[in-house]
Protein backbone atom coordinates (compact mmCIF):
# COMPACT_ATOMS: atom_id res chain seq x y z
CA UNK A 1 23.14 -37.20 -18.48
CA UNK A 2 20.90 -37.23 -20.68
CA UNK A 3 19.35 -40.46 -22.27
CA UNK A 4 21.90 -41.17 -24.36
CA UNK A 5 24.36 -41.14 -21.94
CA UNK A 6 26.10 -37.66 -22.82
CA UNK A 7 26.73 -34.93 -20.48
CA UNK A 8 24.21 -32.09 -19.84
CA UNK A 9 26.10 -29.19 -20.81
CA UNK A 10 25.75 -26.56 -17.96
CA UNK A 11 28.93 -24.61 -18.80
CA UNK A 12 28.94 -20.49 -18.36
CA UNK A 13 29.64 -20.36 -22.34
CA UNK A 14 27.22 -22.51 -23.29
CA UNK A 15 24.59 -21.27 -21.25
CA UNK A 16 25.41 -17.54 -22.48
CA UNK A 17 24.23 -18.79 -26.12
CA UNK A 18 20.81 -19.18 -24.71
CA UNK A 19 18.86 -16.09 -24.53
CA UNK A 20 18.15 -14.67 -20.99
CA UNK A 21 14.59 -14.99 -21.48
CA UNK A 22 14.96 -18.84 -21.73
CA UNK A 23 17.30 -19.16 -19.01
CA UNK A 24 15.07 -17.40 -16.61
CA UNK A 25 14.34 -19.18 -12.99
CA UNK A 26 10.63 -17.76 -12.93
CA UNK A 27 7.98 -17.25 -15.54
CA UNK A 28 7.73 -13.53 -14.97
CA UNK A 29 11.21 -13.28 -16.56
CA UNK A 30 10.93 -16.17 -18.91
CA UNK A 31 7.66 -17.14 -20.52
CA UNK A 32 5.42 -14.52 -19.21
CA UNK A 33 8.70 -11.87 -20.28
CA UNK A 34 5.73 -9.69 -21.60
CA UNK A 35 4.41 -9.05 -18.13
CA UNK A 36 8.06 -8.72 -16.17
CA UNK A 37 8.94 -6.07 -19.05
CA UNK A 38 5.95 -4.04 -17.49
CA UNK A 39 6.30 -4.08 -14.17
CA UNK A 40 10.19 -3.99 -14.12
CA UNK A 41 10.21 -0.20 -14.07
CA UNK A 42 8.46 -0.44 -11.09
CA UNK A 43 9.87 -3.39 -9.04
CA UNK A 44 13.29 -4.64 -10.33
CA UNK A 45 16.17 -3.74 -8.19
CA UNK A 46 16.87 -0.62 -10.98
CA UNK A 47 13.71 0.94 -9.66
CA UNK A 48 14.26 0.64 -5.69
CA UNK A 49 17.68 2.35 -6.30
CA UNK A 50 16.57 5.11 -8.34
CA UNK A 51 13.63 5.60 -6.20
CA UNK A 52 16.24 5.84 -3.42
CA UNK A 53 18.05 8.18 -4.99
CA UNK A 54 15.21 10.26 -5.75
CA UNK A 55 14.30 10.38 -1.76
CA UNK A 56 17.80 11.40 -1.01
CA UNK A 57 17.82 14.05 -3.73
CA UNK A 58 14.36 15.36 -2.91
CA UNK A 59 15.72 15.13 1.17
CA UNK A 60 18.20 17.53 0.13
CA UNK A 61 16.47 19.92 -1.61
CA UNK A 62 13.56 19.77 0.93
CA UNK A 63 16.42 20.83 3.48
CA UNK A 64 17.56 23.79 1.01
CA UNK A 65 14.16 25.02 0.56
CA UNK A 66 12.83 24.97 4.15
CA UNK A 67 15.84 24.76 6.86
CA UNK A 68 17.51 27.65 7.81
CA UNK A 69 20.12 27.96 10.29
CA UNK A 70 23.18 26.56 8.12
CA UNK A 71 25.18 28.78 6.05
CA UNK A 72 26.17 26.01 3.99
CA UNK A 73 22.73 25.25 3.14
CA UNK A 74 22.16 28.96 2.65
CA UNK A 75 24.89 29.05 0.06
CA UNK A 76 23.57 26.11 -2.09
CA UNK A 77 19.79 27.46 -2.74
CA UNK A 78 20.70 28.40 -5.89
CA UNK A 79 22.21 25.14 -6.99
CA UNK A 80 18.76 23.47 -6.47
CA UNK A 81 18.19 22.70 -10.18
CA UNK A 82 21.38 20.89 -10.76
CA UNK A 83 20.99 19.03 -7.55
CA UNK A 84 17.26 17.61 -9.10
CA UNK A 85 19.52 16.32 -12.15
CA UNK A 86 21.24 13.80 -9.80
CA UNK A 87 18.15 11.77 -10.04
CA UNK A 88 16.73 13.30 -13.37
CA UNK A 89 19.68 12.03 -15.29
CA UNK A 90 20.06 8.57 -13.34
CA UNK A 91 20.96 6.15 -16.11
CA UNK A 92 21.79 2.39 -15.93
CA UNK A 93 25.47 3.51 -15.67
CA UNK A 94 24.08 5.23 -12.73
CA UNK A 95 23.05 2.17 -11.33
CA UNK A 96 26.13 0.21 -12.08
CA UNK A 97 27.82 2.83 -10.24
CA UNK A 98 25.88 2.37 -7.26
CA UNK A 99 26.10 -1.57 -7.34
CA UNK A 100 29.79 -0.99 -7.26
CA UNK A 101 29.51 1.23 -4.84
CA UNK A 102 27.80 -1.77 -2.77
CA UNK A 103 30.13 -4.18 -3.34
CA UNK A 104 32.56 -2.64 -0.81
CA UNK A 105 30.31 -1.29 1.66
CA UNK A 106 27.73 -4.24 1.59
CA UNK A 107 24.65 -1.87 2.72
CA UNK A 108 22.41 -1.28 -0.30
CA UNK A 109 21.18 2.38 1.05
CA UNK A 110 24.59 3.57 2.31
CA UNK A 111 25.71 2.98 -1.58
CA UNK A 112 22.78 5.27 -2.50
CA UNK A 113 23.96 8.24 -0.42
CA UNK A 114 27.81 7.81 -1.22
CA UNK A 115 26.59 8.08 -4.78
CA UNK A 116 24.75 11.43 -4.32
CA UNK A 117 27.79 12.55 -2.71
CA UNK A 118 29.95 11.86 -5.39
CA UNK A 119 27.76 13.58 -7.60
CA UNK A 120 27.66 16.74 -5.42
CA UNK A 121 31.61 16.47 -5.51
CA UNK A 122 31.87 16.41 -9.00
CA UNK A 123 29.57 19.30 -9.38
CA UNK A 124 32.02 21.23 -6.83
CA UNK A 125 29.49 20.89 -3.99
CA UNK A 126 31.62 19.32 -1.38
CA UNK A 127 30.68 21.40 1.57
CA UNK A 128 27.15 20.17 0.95
CA UNK A 129 27.83 16.09 1.25
CA UNK A 130 27.82 16.04 4.80
CA UNK A 131 23.86 16.64 4.15
CA UNK A 132 23.13 13.95 1.98
CA UNK A 133 21.14 11.54 4.53
CA UNK A 134 21.44 14.26 7.57
CA UNK A 135 19.18 12.80 10.13
CA UNK A 136 17.86 9.71 8.41
CA UNK A 137 17.82 5.87 8.99
CA UNK A 138 18.22 3.97 6.08
CA UNK A 139 14.44 2.97 6.50
CA UNK A 140 13.42 6.89 5.77
CA UNK A 141 14.91 6.24 2.18
CA UNK A 142 13.33 3.09 1.71
CA UNK A 143 9.92 3.19 2.76
CA UNK A 144 9.06 6.47 0.47
CA UNK A 145 10.73 3.98 -2.36
CA UNK A 146 8.73 1.43 -2.05
CA UNK A 147 5.37 3.41 -1.68
CA UNK A 148 6.40 5.50 -5.00
CA UNK A 149 6.94 2.17 -6.38
CA UNK A 150 3.56 0.38 -5.45
CA UNK A 151 1.55 3.71 -6.10
CA UNK A 152 3.19 4.13 -9.64
CA UNK A 153 2.61 0.67 -10.61
CA UNK A 154 -1.06 0.34 -9.65
CA UNK A 155 -1.71 3.94 -11.15
CA UNK A 156 0.12 3.10 -14.43
CA UNK A 157 -0.19 -0.35 -15.00
CA UNK A 158 -2.41 -2.93 -12.75
CA UNK A 159 -5.38 -0.68 -12.38
CA UNK A 160 -5.67 0.09 -15.79
CA UNK A 161 -5.67 -3.49 -16.65
CA UNK A 162 -8.27 -3.93 -14.13
CA UNK A 163 -10.54 -1.05 -15.57
CA UNK A 164 -9.91 -2.45 -19.23
CA UNK A 165 -11.25 -6.26 -18.01
CA UNK A 166 -14.28 -4.55 -16.52
CA UNK A 167 -15.03 -2.52 -19.23
CA UNK A 168 -14.88 -5.65 -21.76
CA UNK A 169 -17.38 -7.40 -19.53
CA UNK A 170 -19.68 -4.53 -19.29
CA UNK A 171 -19.63 -3.55 -23.05
CA UNK A 172 -19.31 -6.84 -24.49
CA UNK A 173 -21.07 -9.00 -22.31
CA UNK A 174 -23.39 -7.38 -19.59
CA UNK A 175 -25.12 -4.67 -21.70
CA UNK A 176 -24.88 -6.52 -25.35
CA UNK A 177 -26.57 -9.66 -23.35
CA UNK A 178 -28.94 -8.16 -20.95
CA UNK A 179 -31.91 -9.82 -22.48
CA UNK A 180 -30.42 -12.95 -23.51
CA UNK A 181 -32.00 -15.61 -21.19
CA UNK A 182 -29.93 -18.31 -20.62
CA UNK A 183 -30.28 -21.69 -18.04
CA UNK A 184 -28.93 -21.04 -14.32
CA UNK A 185 -27.51 -23.61 -11.89
CA UNK A 186 -27.36 -23.74 -8.10
CA UNK A 187 -25.52 -26.16 -6.60
CA UNK A 188 -24.87 -27.54 -10.48
CA UNK A 189 -28.79 -28.32 -10.79
CA UNK A 190 -30.99 -26.46 -13.45
CA UNK A 191 -32.39 -23.39 -11.25
CA UNK A 192 -34.28 -20.18 -11.75
CA UNK A 193 -33.16 -18.93 -15.30
CA UNK A 194 -31.40 -15.40 -15.66
CA UNK A 195 -29.63 -13.57 -18.83
CA UNK A 196 -26.32 -13.67 -19.75
CA UNK A 197 -25.81 -10.01 -19.52
CA UNK A 198 -27.01 -10.33 -15.66
CA UNK A 199 -24.36 -12.88 -14.87
CA UNK A 200 -21.77 -10.59 -16.14
CA UNK A 201 -23.26 -7.91 -14.22
CA UNK A 202 -22.67 -9.57 -11.41
CA UNK A 203 -18.74 -9.26 -11.88
CA UNK A 204 -18.91 -5.88 -13.25
CA UNK A 205 -20.44 -4.67 -9.93
CA UNK A 206 -18.11 -6.87 -7.99
CA UNK A 207 -14.68 -5.96 -9.58
CA UNK A 208 -15.59 -2.09 -9.43
CA UNK A 209 -16.49 -2.45 -5.79
CA UNK A 210 -13.14 -4.40 -5.30
CA UNK A 211 -11.08 -1.76 -7.54
CA UNK A 212 -12.83 1.07 -5.52
CA UNK A 213 -11.48 -0.35 -2.22
CA UNK A 214 -7.75 -0.79 -3.65
CA UNK A 215 -7.95 2.63 -4.97
CA UNK A 216 -8.71 4.23 -1.43
CA UNK A 217 -5.73 2.92 -0.05
CA UNK A 218 -2.94 5.55 0.00
CA UNK A 219 0.37 4.58 0.00
CA UNK A 220 2.01 5.73 3.48
CA UNK A 221 5.49 6.67 4.40
CA UNK A 222 7.48 7.95 7.56
CA UNK A 223 10.65 9.98 7.78
CA UNK A 224 11.48 10.34 11.49
CA UNK A 225 14.74 8.76 11.85
CA UNK A 226 16.06 5.77 13.65
CA UNK A 227 13.30 4.64 16.23
CA UNK A 228 10.77 6.74 14.92
CA UNK A 229 11.58 10.12 17.34
CA UNK A 230 13.39 12.80 15.01
CA UNK A 231 16.23 12.81 17.94
CA UNK A 232 19.33 13.33 15.60
CA UNK A 233 17.67 15.33 13.36
CA UNK A 234 16.17 17.53 16.71
CA UNK A 235 19.72 17.90 18.22
CA UNK A 236 21.54 19.28 15.16
CA UNK A 237 18.48 21.69 14.58
CA UNK A 238 16.57 21.93 17.81
CA UNK A 239 14.69 25.01 16.48
CA UNK A 240 12.79 23.42 13.32
CA UNK A 241 9.41 21.70 14.11
CA UNK A 242 10.67 18.24 12.59
CA UNK A 243 6.93 16.41 12.87
CA UNK A 244 5.62 19.40 10.90
CA UNK A 245 8.56 19.40 8.22
CA UNK A 246 8.32 15.87 7.53
CA UNK A 247 5.00 15.58 6.81
CA UNK A 248 5.13 18.30 4.30
CA UNK A 249 8.40 16.64 3.09
CA UNK A 250 6.68 13.45 2.58
CA UNK A 251 3.13 15.06 1.43
CA UNK A 252 4.15 17.98 -0.70
CA UNK A 253 7.73 16.49 -1.87
CA UNK A 254 6.80 12.96 -2.51
CA UNK A 255 3.01 12.78 -3.04
CA UNK A 256 2.58 10.35 -0.32
CA UNK A 257 0.42 10.17 2.91
CA UNK A 258 2.61 10.79 6.01
CA UNK A 259 2.67 8.22 8.92
CA UNK A 260 3.22 10.09 12.08
CA UNK A 261 3.50 7.36 14.37
CA UNK A 262 5.85 4.62 14.21
CA UNK A 263 9.12 2.84 15.12
CA UNK A 264 12.15 2.59 12.72
CA UNK A 265 10.32 1.30 10.12
CA UNK A 266 7.16 2.17 8.74
CA UNK A 267 4.85 -0.29 9.72
CA UNK A 268 3.66 -1.75 6.13
CA UNK A 269 -0.06 -1.88 7.25
CA UNK A 270 -1.08 -0.01 3.66
CA UNK A 271 0.94 -2.59 1.96
CA UNK A 272 -1.17 -5.20 3.48
CA UNK A 273 -4.38 -3.48 2.69
CA UNK A 274 -3.34 -3.11 -0.90
CA UNK A 275 -2.17 -7.00 -1.21
CA UNK A 276 -5.52 -7.98 0.61
CA UNK A 277 -7.53 -5.82 -1.99
CA UNK A 278 -5.48 -7.51 -4.97
CA UNK A 279 -6.01 -10.80 -3.65
CA UNK A 280 -9.92 -10.23 -2.92
CA UNK A 281 -9.65 -9.25 -6.78
CA UNK A 282 -7.86 -12.02 -7.69
CA UNK A 283 -10.41 -14.08 -6.03
CA UNK A 284 -13.45 -12.58 -7.98
CA UNK A 285 -11.50 -13.03 -11.12
CA UNK A 286 -10.96 -16.80 -10.58
CA UNK A 287 -14.71 -16.70 -9.87
CA UNK A 288 -15.36 -15.68 -13.49
CA UNK A 289 -12.75 -17.93 -14.98
CA UNK A 290 -14.52 -20.96 -13.07
CA UNK A 291 -17.91 -19.96 -14.33
CA UNK A 292 -16.36 -19.53 -18.08
CA UNK A 293 -14.98 -22.99 -17.93
CA UNK A 294 -18.25 -24.52 -16.91
CA UNK A 295 -20.05 -22.61 -19.63
CA UNK A 296 -17.74 -23.47 -22.51
CA UNK A 297 -18.02 -27.16 -21.59
CA UNK A 298 -21.61 -26.64 -21.11
CA UNK A 299 -21.72 -25.26 -24.66
CA UNK A 300 -22.79 -22.20 -23.96
CA UNK A 301 -19.95 -20.22 -24.99
CA UNK A 302 -17.93 -21.16 -28.17
CA UNK A 303 -14.47 -20.64 -28.42
CA UNK A 304 -13.03 -18.89 -31.79
CA UNK A 305 -10.75 -21.44 -33.58
CA UNK A 306 -7.63 -20.12 -34.47
CA UNK A 307 -6.53 -22.35 -37.53
CA UNK A 308 -2.64 -23.08 -36.61
CA UNK A 309 -3.36 -23.60 -33.11
CA UNK A 310 -3.61 -27.02 -31.63
CA UNK A 311 -6.00 -28.04 -28.59
CA UNK A 312 -4.76 -31.50 -28.03
CA UNK A 313 -1.35 -33.34 -28.90
CA UNK A 314 -3.44 -36.16 -29.54
CA UNK A 315 -7.46 -35.38 -29.83
CA UNK A 316 -7.59 -32.86 -33.00
CA UNK A 317 -11.20 -31.83 -32.21
CA UNK A 318 -10.33 -30.02 -28.94
CA UNK A 319 -10.27 -26.08 -28.31
CA UNK A 320 -9.27 -25.97 -24.85
CA UNK A 321 -10.32 -22.86 -22.34
CA UNK A 322 -6.63 -22.72 -21.81
CA UNK A 323 -6.64 -18.90 -21.09
CA UNK A 324 -9.07 -19.10 -18.24
CA UNK A 325 -7.12 -21.94 -16.90
CA UNK A 326 -3.80 -20.02 -17.15
CA UNK A 327 -5.61 -17.20 -15.33
CA UNK A 328 -6.73 -19.54 -12.49
CA UNK A 329 -3.07 -21.00 -11.83
CA UNK A 330 -1.58 -17.61 -11.83
CA UNK A 331 -4.18 -16.24 -9.61
CA UNK A 332 -2.83 -19.04 -7.19
CA UNK A 333 0.64 -17.92 -7.18
CA UNK A 334 -0.19 -14.16 -6.87
CA UNK A 335 -2.56 -15.01 -3.88
CA UNK A 336 0.22 -17.06 -2.00
CA UNK A 337 2.36 -14.41 -2.51
CA UNK A 338 0.01 -11.49 -1.43
CA UNK A 339 -1.07 -13.77 1.80
CA UNK A 340 2.86 -14.52 2.57
CA UNK A 341 3.90 -10.90 2.45
CA UNK A 342 0.38 -9.67 4.21
CA UNK A 343 1.17 -12.02 7.10
CA UNK A 344 4.95 -11.06 7.14
CA UNK A 345 5.38 -7.09 6.97
CA UNK A 346 3.20 -5.86 10.29
CA UNK A 347 5.51 -8.22 12.31
CA UNK A 348 8.82 -6.27 13.28
CA UNK A 349 10.85 -7.31 16.42
CA UNK A 350 10.78 -4.30 18.52
CA UNK A 351 12.00 -1.23 17.02
CA UNK A 352 13.52 -3.25 13.79
CA UNK A 353 14.65 -6.18 12.19
CA UNK A 354 15.53 -6.71 8.95
CA UNK A 355 13.03 -9.43 7.68
CA UNK A 356 10.93 -7.18 5.98
CA UNK A 357 13.78 -6.22 3.66
CA UNK A 358 13.98 -9.44 1.70
CA UNK A 359 10.48 -9.93 1.74
CA UNK A 360 9.10 -6.41 0.14
CA UNK A 361 11.66 -7.79 -3.02
CA UNK A 362 9.21 -10.25 -3.86
CA UNK A 363 6.29 -7.20 -4.41
CA UNK A 364 6.46 -7.49 -8.05
CA UNK A 365 5.63 -10.92 -7.87
CA UNK A 366 2.61 -10.46 -6.20
CA UNK A 367 1.67 -8.05 -8.97
CA UNK A 368 3.20 -9.78 -11.98
CA UNK A 369 1.26 -13.27 -11.40
CA UNK A 370 -2.39 -11.24 -10.70
CA UNK A 371 -1.44 -9.00 -13.97
CA UNK A 372 -0.65 -12.22 -16.26
CA UNK A 373 -3.92 -13.67 -14.77
CA UNK A 374 -5.87 -10.36 -15.86
CA UNK A 375 -4.44 -10.20 -19.28
CA UNK A 376 -4.95 -14.28 -20.12
CA UNK A 377 -8.66 -13.63 -18.88
CA UNK A 378 -8.94 -10.76 -21.27
CA UNK A 379 -7.71 -12.77 -23.78
CA UNK A 380 -9.95 -15.63 -23.02
CA UNK A 381 -12.87 -13.23 -23.27
CA UNK A 382 -12.23 -11.88 -26.57
CA UNK A 383 -12.22 -15.41 -27.90
CA UNK A 384 -15.30 -16.50 -27.11
CA UNK A 385 -18.82 -16.14 -28.27
CA UNK A 386 -22.56 -16.78 -26.81
CA UNK A 387 -23.84 -20.07 -28.23
CA UNK A 388 -27.48 -18.42 -28.36
CA UNK A 389 -29.04 -21.51 -29.97
CA UNK A 390 -27.38 -23.97 -27.38
CA UNK A 391 -28.92 -21.76 -24.42
CA UNK A 392 -32.32 -21.64 -26.22
CA UNK A 393 -32.57 -25.53 -26.76
CA UNK A 394 -31.43 -26.02 -23.07
CA UNK A 395 -33.69 -23.69 -21.67
CA UNK A 396 -36.71 -25.62 -23.96
CA UNK A 397 -35.81 -28.46 -22.05
CA UNK A 398 -36.12 -27.52 -18.34
CA UNK A 399 -39.81 -26.54 -17.90
CA UNK A 400 -39.54 -28.11 -14.66
CA UNK A 401 -37.92 -24.77 -13.38
CA UNK A 402 -41.33 -23.42 -13.50
CA UNK A 403 -42.34 -25.13 -10.47
CA UNK A 404 -40.89 -22.18 -8.18
CA UNK A 405 -43.29 -19.74 -9.63
CA UNK A 406 -46.08 -22.10 -9.66
CA UNK A 407 -45.92 -23.23 -5.92
CA UNK A 408 -45.29 -19.20 -5.03
CA UNK A 409 -48.41 -18.46 -6.98
CA UNK A 410 -50.33 -21.21 -5.09
CA UNK A 411 -49.19 -19.81 -1.60
CA UNK A 412 -50.46 -16.63 -2.59
CA UNK A 413 -54.14 -18.38 -2.44
CA UNK A 414 -53.04 -19.90 0.97
CA UNK A 415 -52.51 -23.45 -0.37
CA UNK A 416 -50.67 -24.62 2.63
CA UNK A 417 -48.94 -27.63 0.70
CA UNK A 418 -47.95 -25.72 -2.17
CA UNK A 419 -44.19 -26.65 -2.17
CA UNK A 420 -44.91 -30.26 -1.64
CA UNK A 421 -47.18 -30.67 -4.17
CA UNK A 422 -44.96 -29.30 -6.72
CA UNK A 423 -41.96 -31.22 -5.46
CA UNK A 424 -44.07 -34.48 -5.90
CA UNK A 425 -45.00 -33.07 -9.60
CA UNK A 426 -41.36 -32.35 -10.45
CA UNK A 427 -38.58 -33.64 -8.61
CA UNK A 428 -36.44 -35.65 -10.27
CA UNK A 429 -38.44 -35.83 -13.61
CA UNK A 430 -37.85 -34.48 -17.15
CA UNK A 431 -40.92 -32.49 -17.08
CA UNK A 432 -42.48 -31.46 -20.51
CA UNK A 433 -43.91 -28.23 -21.35
CA UNK A 434 -47.43 -30.13 -22.33
CA UNK A 435 -47.47 -31.67 -18.36
CA UNK A 436 -46.57 -28.11 -16.83
CA UNK A 437 -49.14 -26.36 -19.19
CA UNK A 438 -51.90 -29.39 -17.95
CA UNK A 439 -51.39 -28.95 -14.73
CA UNK A 440 -51.76 -25.20 -14.62
CA UNK A 441 -54.83 -25.92 -16.36
CA UNK A 442 -56.43 -28.24 -14.03
CA UNK A 443 -55.56 -26.38 -10.70
CA UNK A 444 -58.47 -26.51 -8.78
CA UNK A 445 -57.87 -23.48 -5.60
CA UNK A 446 -60.41 -21.43 -4.02
CA UNK A 447 -60.55 -17.91 -5.28
CA UNK A 448 -58.00 -18.86 -7.87
CA UNK A 449 -58.25 -16.12 -10.59
CA UNK A 450 -58.19 -16.68 -14.46
CA UNK A 451 -56.15 -14.03 -14.92
CA UNK A 452 -53.19 -15.47 -12.61
CA UNK A 453 -53.97 -18.61 -14.24
CA UNK A 454 -53.31 -16.96 -17.60
CA UNK A 455 -50.02 -15.40 -16.03
CA UNK A 456 -48.81 -19.22 -15.62
CA UNK A 457 -49.94 -20.26 -18.52
CA UNK A 458 -47.71 -17.98 -20.54
CA UNK A 459 -44.36 -18.64 -18.74
CA UNK A 460 -41.88 -20.19 -19.97
CA UNK A 461 -37.95 -20.93 -19.06
CA UNK A 462 -36.63 -18.19 -21.25
CA UNK A 463 -39.56 -15.90 -20.11
CA UNK A 464 -38.94 -16.28 -16.15
CA UNK A 465 -35.85 -14.13 -15.42
CA UNK A 466 -37.68 -11.42 -13.38
CA UNK A 467 -36.05 -8.33 -13.15
CA UNK A 468 -32.51 -9.60 -14.78
CA UNK A 469 -32.51 -7.22 -17.64
CA UNK A 470 -32.96 -4.26 -15.26
CA UNK A 471 -30.44 -5.06 -12.52
CA UNK A 472 -28.00 -5.61 -15.78
CA UNK A 473 -28.85 -2.15 -16.57
CA UNK A 474 -28.55 -0.75 -13.45
CA UNK A 475 -25.37 -2.41 -12.63
CA UNK A 476 -23.30 -1.31 -15.85
CA UNK A 477 -24.65 1.92 -15.78
CA UNK A 478 -24.07 2.97 -12.07
């Protein structure tokens, strides 16, 4: 019931009047549908069916080109291009036909097999139908399909977006502000100053390392029958070397890495490594989001004001760091799914159970929430500027951070209580520039050179950044 006592209209007719985007159960098909659209060609039901058709068709072509001893195969060698068109011409209507078959068979892979057979019959190749899916179990068709879906989604969508983020951080923040000093904080307290660029260079370095780890993982596939031993196909074609042929099919025809030792299923270990890699990248990204949120709250960064936008429904002055907050939230969702899949997929009862089948259908969500986070952080970074005036002002009020280099210089001269002397002088106090200078001038230490005294007197918080600029340059041009 609504507040006025009327019934809520949940009729099919009423729901049809609302766009599918606004009736979506989850945000990746609704509010974040732009992300869903980018990934649906790789992880949707349509994508899975199309990839299964590809594997079935390419397996048939492989047999025509590589297996001898069958007059049926030999007689269709010149039909390879026509057979390849079953996959090349696959359309939404083709997909609907597969789903129509599935209503009868209640088996998604068998439906693909029947569909390919129907296409062969339409081309007058009835005698070739029995070779569709020959020697295969359903997993032989499904696992290369998912491997291809994951591989292409990474290569064409997720990795380019991650690289876009890294390039943005490197060019617009690390390199541009390599020499811009800024206050640093450890445990939330003022600490040895750094530079704006160096702090972003840390993220460039971490993200590059994380991304290289993901890129190094090659999706694997198996193609060895019901319990992984080539049993059925070796009975029908005993003179062929099936382990060698399967490796050739997986690597040369499908472009994947061959997994030679499995049960009925591909073990999914590489999938877990990729998911763990995405989760790690997500966590580095979240670390950046949290830092940006804090830097904005401290005024080190200013957000670009968009006139028509509203920051708060009640406080007109506010410009909220919502893109970094949105990113953080979606990282949590992606990570949760990555962990769930990474925990589930390596486990299978004996030679096979079907629990991995339902789990894998959620791979697109792990990628999707991560992609949403990436795009939100990119958007957030494009709408901030460094508040150099605020940073400079705060640095000039933190002269107590020079206690560290002063006590280190005293240690050089063998002063045993150097740390305690500076602790007593500075801890819990607001120390002025004049107080620091006076402390240095009145240092009475045996052998203390005037040159070293002058080094300390010339120090200021904005100059006390060590090798920050060089570290930044080395990191971004590595």
